[in-house]
Amino acid sequence: MQTKAQEMELPYKEIPDYPSTYTSGNVVSRMIDGLGFRYYWATEGLTENDLTYRASEDGRSVFETMEHIYVMSNNILLAPDAKPYERPANPQKFSYEELRSLTLNNLKTASEKVLGKTSEEMEDFKVVFKQGDRTSEFPFWNMINGMLADCIHHTGQIVLMRRASGNPQNPNVNVFLGKTRE
């Protein structure tokens, strides 16, 4: 488990203040921030029982769902630079704390990369996959309905599974306001 000092260092305990203007980049940044806030609280204080919980025999466990979100957070991070994501042949194994921190920091950095970007600048953003010699490239639109939406969906699954395993999310989390009542 993380110490209070480590936990305070993680982004998204609260959602950042919103930008003053509605630009393309600001809207996407806010979507990423919303995901980060939800993910922070969905994964805060998980126990070993929560991490191994799975809703069905063939479904992902909470920890496996976190790993899946982490992979997608790499895609979200790389897209503004149009850099390819290449799934490693032997993916590194992370602890719960490492996985949570890496994912939250990927989301924070990705949000900062798109913040303030214009529509014209965003046209250069690409979702790029690389498998061996094969590369597939997609417009950033696919990131919105793909990885961003999927991460939000899977974060909701974590909230549901942790409730089912007996450790519900902090009831003081207010995703509408992006704050947590103390």
Protein backbone atom coordinates (compact mmCIF):
# COMPACT_ATOMS: atom_id res chain seq x y z
CA MET A 1 0.00 0.00 0.00
CA GLN A 2 1.06 3.59 -0.61
CA THR A 3 1.91 5.96 2.18
CA LYS A 4 -0.07 9.17 2.50
CA ALA A 5 2.91 11.13 1.10
CA GLN A 6 3.08 8.91 -2.00
CA GLU A 7 -0.68 9.13 -2.48
CA MET A 8 -0.58 12.93 -2.35
CA GLU A 9 2.00 12.97 -5.13
CA LEU A 10 -0.32 11.18 -7.54
CA PRO A 11 -2.31 13.36 -9.90
CA TYR A 12 -6.09 13.47 -9.97
CA LYS A 13 -7.03 13.30 -6.31
CA GLU A 14 -9.09 16.28 -7.46
CA ILE A 15 -9.86 17.26 -11.01
CA PRO A 16 -7.84 20.32 -12.09
CA ASP A 17 -9.56 23.64 -12.67
CA TYR A 18 -11.14 23.79 -16.09
CA PRO A 19 -9.64 25.92 -18.85
CA SER A 20 -11.10 29.34 -19.54
CA THR A 21 -11.93 28.58 -23.19
CA TYR A 22 -13.48 25.75 -25.16
CA THR A 23 -10.80 24.80 -27.65
CA SER A 24 -10.46 21.35 -29.18
CA GLY A 25 -7.41 20.58 -27.06
CA ASN A 26 -9.00 21.89 -23.89
CA VAL A 27 -12.07 19.71 -24.33
CA VAL A 28 -9.97 16.58 -24.88
CA SER A 29 -7.71 17.55 -21.97
CA ARG A 30 -10.76 17.83 -19.73
CA MET A 31 -11.99 14.40 -20.90
CA ILE A 32 -8.62 12.93 -19.93
CA ASP A 33 -8.72 14.76 -16.59
CA GLY A 34 -12.20 13.37 -15.93
CA LEU A 35 -10.92 9.87 -16.64
CA GLY A 36 -7.91 10.47 -14.38
CA PHE A 37 -10.13 11.60 -11.50
CA ARG A 38 -12.44 8.61 -11.89
CA TYR A 39 -9.51 6.20 -12.18
CA TYR A 40 -7.77 7.70 -9.13
CA TRP A 41 -10.78 7.02 -6.92
CA ALA A 42 -11.77 3.72 -8.54
CA THR A 43 -8.31 2.35 -7.77
CA GLU A 44 -7.65 4.08 -4.43
CA GLY A 45 -7.29 1.72 -1.49
CA LEU A 46 -7.75 -1.56 -3.34
CA THR A 47 -6.97 -4.69 -1.34
CA GLU A 48 -5.50 -7.97 -2.56
CA ASN A 49 -9.04 -9.38 -2.46
CA ASP A 50 -10.23 -6.55 -4.73
CA LEU A 51 -7.30 -6.92 -7.13
CA THR A 52 -7.96 -10.63 -7.69
CA TYR A 53 -11.75 -10.28 -7.89
CA ARG A 54 -13.33 -11.15 -11.22
CA ALA A 55 -17.03 -10.99 -12.01
CA SER A 56 -16.93 -14.28 -13.94
CA GLU A 57 -14.48 -17.10 -14.55
CA ASP A 58 -13.55 -15.87 -18.00
CA GLY A 59 -13.59 -12.15 -17.16
CA ARG A 60 -10.64 -9.97 -16.28
CA SER A 61 -9.74 -9.45 -12.64
CA VAL A 62 -9.57 -5.91 -11.27
CA PHE A 63 -5.77 -6.02 -11.59
CA GLU A 64 -5.95 -7.29 -15.18
CA THR A 65 -8.42 -4.48 -15.94
CA MET A 66 -5.92 -2.00 -14.50
CA GLU A 67 -3.22 -3.49 -16.74
CA HIS A 68 -5.52 -3.07 -19.75
CA ILE A 69 -6.19 0.58 -18.86
CA TYR A 70 -2.46 1.14 -18.45
CA VAL A 71 -1.78 -0.13 -21.97
CA MET A 72 -4.42 2.22 -23.35
CA SER A 73 -2.99 5.10 -21.30
CA ASN A 74 0.25 4.59 -23.25
CA ASN A 75 -1.70 5.01 -26.50
CA ILE A 76 -3.36 8.15 -25.15
CA LEU A 77 0.06 9.52 -24.17
CA LEU A 78 1.71 8.79 -27.53
CA ALA A 79 -1.06 10.02 -29.87
CA PRO A 80 -0.39 13.78 -29.57
CA ASP A 81 3.16 13.11 -30.80
CA ALA A 82 1.93 10.62 -33.45
CA LYS A 83 4.33 8.05 -31.99
CA PRO A 84 3.62 4.35 -32.36
CA TYR A 85 2.63 2.07 -29.54
CA GLU A 86 4.28 -1.30 -29.83
CA ARG A 87 3.11 -3.93 -27.41
CA PRO A 88 6.21 -5.52 -25.90
CA ALA A 89 6.76 -9.24 -26.47
CA ASN A 90 7.38 -9.67 -22.73
CA PRO A 91 5.43 -6.92 -20.97
CA GLN A 92 6.94 -5.71 -17.74
CA LYS A 93 5.05 -6.73 -14.62
CA PHE A 94 4.15 -3.95 -12.22
CA SER A 95 2.84 -3.90 -8.68
CA TYR A 96 -0.57 -2.40 -7.98
CA GLU A 97 1.06 0.81 -6.72
CA GLU A 98 3.37 1.09 -9.75
CA LEU A 99 0.57 0.37 -12.22
CA ARG A 100 -1.70 2.93 -10.62
CA SER A 101 1.03 5.59 -10.54
CA LEU A 102 2.18 4.94 -14.13
CA THR A 103 -1.38 5.12 -15.45
CA LEU A 104 -2.28 8.31 -13.59
CA ASN A 105 0.96 10.00 -14.65
CA ASN A 106 0.46 8.92 -18.29
CA LEU A 107 -2.99 10.51 -18.22
CA LYS A 108 -1.71 13.72 -16.60
CA THR A 109 1.09 14.08 -19.16
CA ALA A 110 -1.29 13.33 -22.05
CA SER A 111 -3.73 15.95 -20.75
CA GLU A 112 -0.94 18.52 -20.60
CA LYS A 113 0.13 17.66 -24.17
CA VAL A 114 -3.31 18.43 -25.61
CA LEU A 115 -4.20 21.38 -23.37
CA GLY A 116 -4.60 24.55 -25.42
CA LYS A 117 -4.17 22.84 -28.79
CA THR A 118 -6.19 24.10 -31.73
CA SER A 119 -8.22 21.98 -34.12
CA GLU A 120 -5.53 22.48 -36.73
CA GLU A 121 -2.78 21.28 -34.38
CA MET A 122 -4.86 18.25 -33.41
CA GLU A 123 -5.06 17.15 -37.02
CA ASP A 124 -1.43 16.04 -36.61
CA PHE A 125 -2.30 13.80 -33.66
CA LYS A 126 -2.41 10.14 -34.68
CA VAL A 127 -3.10 6.80 -33.08
CA VAL A 128 -0.30 4.59 -34.34
CA PHE A 129 0.12 0.87 -33.69
CA LYS A 130 3.24 -1.05 -34.59
CA GLN A 131 3.54 -4.82 -34.78
CA GLY A 132 6.86 -5.94 -36.17
CA ASP A 133 7.23 -4.34 -39.60
CA ARG A 134 3.52 -3.47 -39.82
CA THR A 135 2.28 -0.02 -38.79
CA SER A 136 -1.36 1.11 -38.65
CA GLU A 137 -2.25 4.77 -38.35
CA PHE A 138 -5.61 6.30 -37.39
CA PRO A 139 -6.85 9.87 -36.87
CA PHE A 140 -7.16 11.16 -33.31
CA TRP A 141 -10.95 10.82 -33.61
CA ASN A 142 -10.45 7.10 -33.02
CA MET A 143 -8.75 7.90 -29.70
CA ILE A 144 -11.92 9.57 -28.43
CA ASN A 145 -14.35 6.76 -29.25
CA GLY A 146 -11.65 4.12 -28.74
CA MET A 147 -9.17 4.34 -25.88
CA LEU A 148 -10.69 7.25 -23.97
CA ALA A 149 -14.20 5.80 -23.98
CA ASP A 150 -12.87 2.31 -23.27
CA CYS A 151 -10.80 3.51 -20.29
CA ILE A 152 -13.86 5.26 -18.82
CA HIS A 153 -15.89 2.08 -19.35
CA HIS A 154 -13.28 -0.14 -17.66
CA THR A 155 -12.83 2.31 -14.80
CA GLY A 156 -16.56 1.92 -14.15
CA GLN A 157 -16.08 -1.85 -14.14
CA ILE A 158 -13.43 -1.48 -11.42
CA VAL A 159 -15.89 0.56 -9.34
CA LEU A 160 -18.51 -2.16 -9.76
CA MET A 161 -16.13 -5.05 -9.05
CA ARG A 162 -14.65 -3.45 -5.94
CA ARG A 163 -18.19 -2.94 -4.64
CA ALA A 164 -18.97 -6.59 -5.36
CA SER A 165 -15.79 -7.69 -3.57
CA GLY A 166 -16.85 -5.79 -0.44
CA ASN A 167 -14.74 -2.62 -0.69
CA PRO A 168 -16.85 0.10 -2.34
CA GLN A 169 -15.33 3.30 -3.67
CA ASN A 170 -15.25 6.24 -1.29
CA PRO A 171 -18.88 7.45 -1.18
CA ASN A 172 -17.72 11.08 -0.88
CA VAL A 173 -16.35 11.12 -4.45
CA ASN A 174 -18.34 13.55 -6.59
CA VAL A 175 -17.45 12.99 -10.26
CA PHE A 176 -19.70 15.87 -11.35
CA LEU A 177 -17.75 18.42 -9.29
CA GLY A 178 -14.44 16.55 -9.52
CA LYS A 179 -13.95 16.78 -5.77
CA THR A 180 -14.25 14.53 -2.76
CA ARG A 181 -16.08 15.62 0.36
CA GLU A 182 -13.81 15.21 3.40
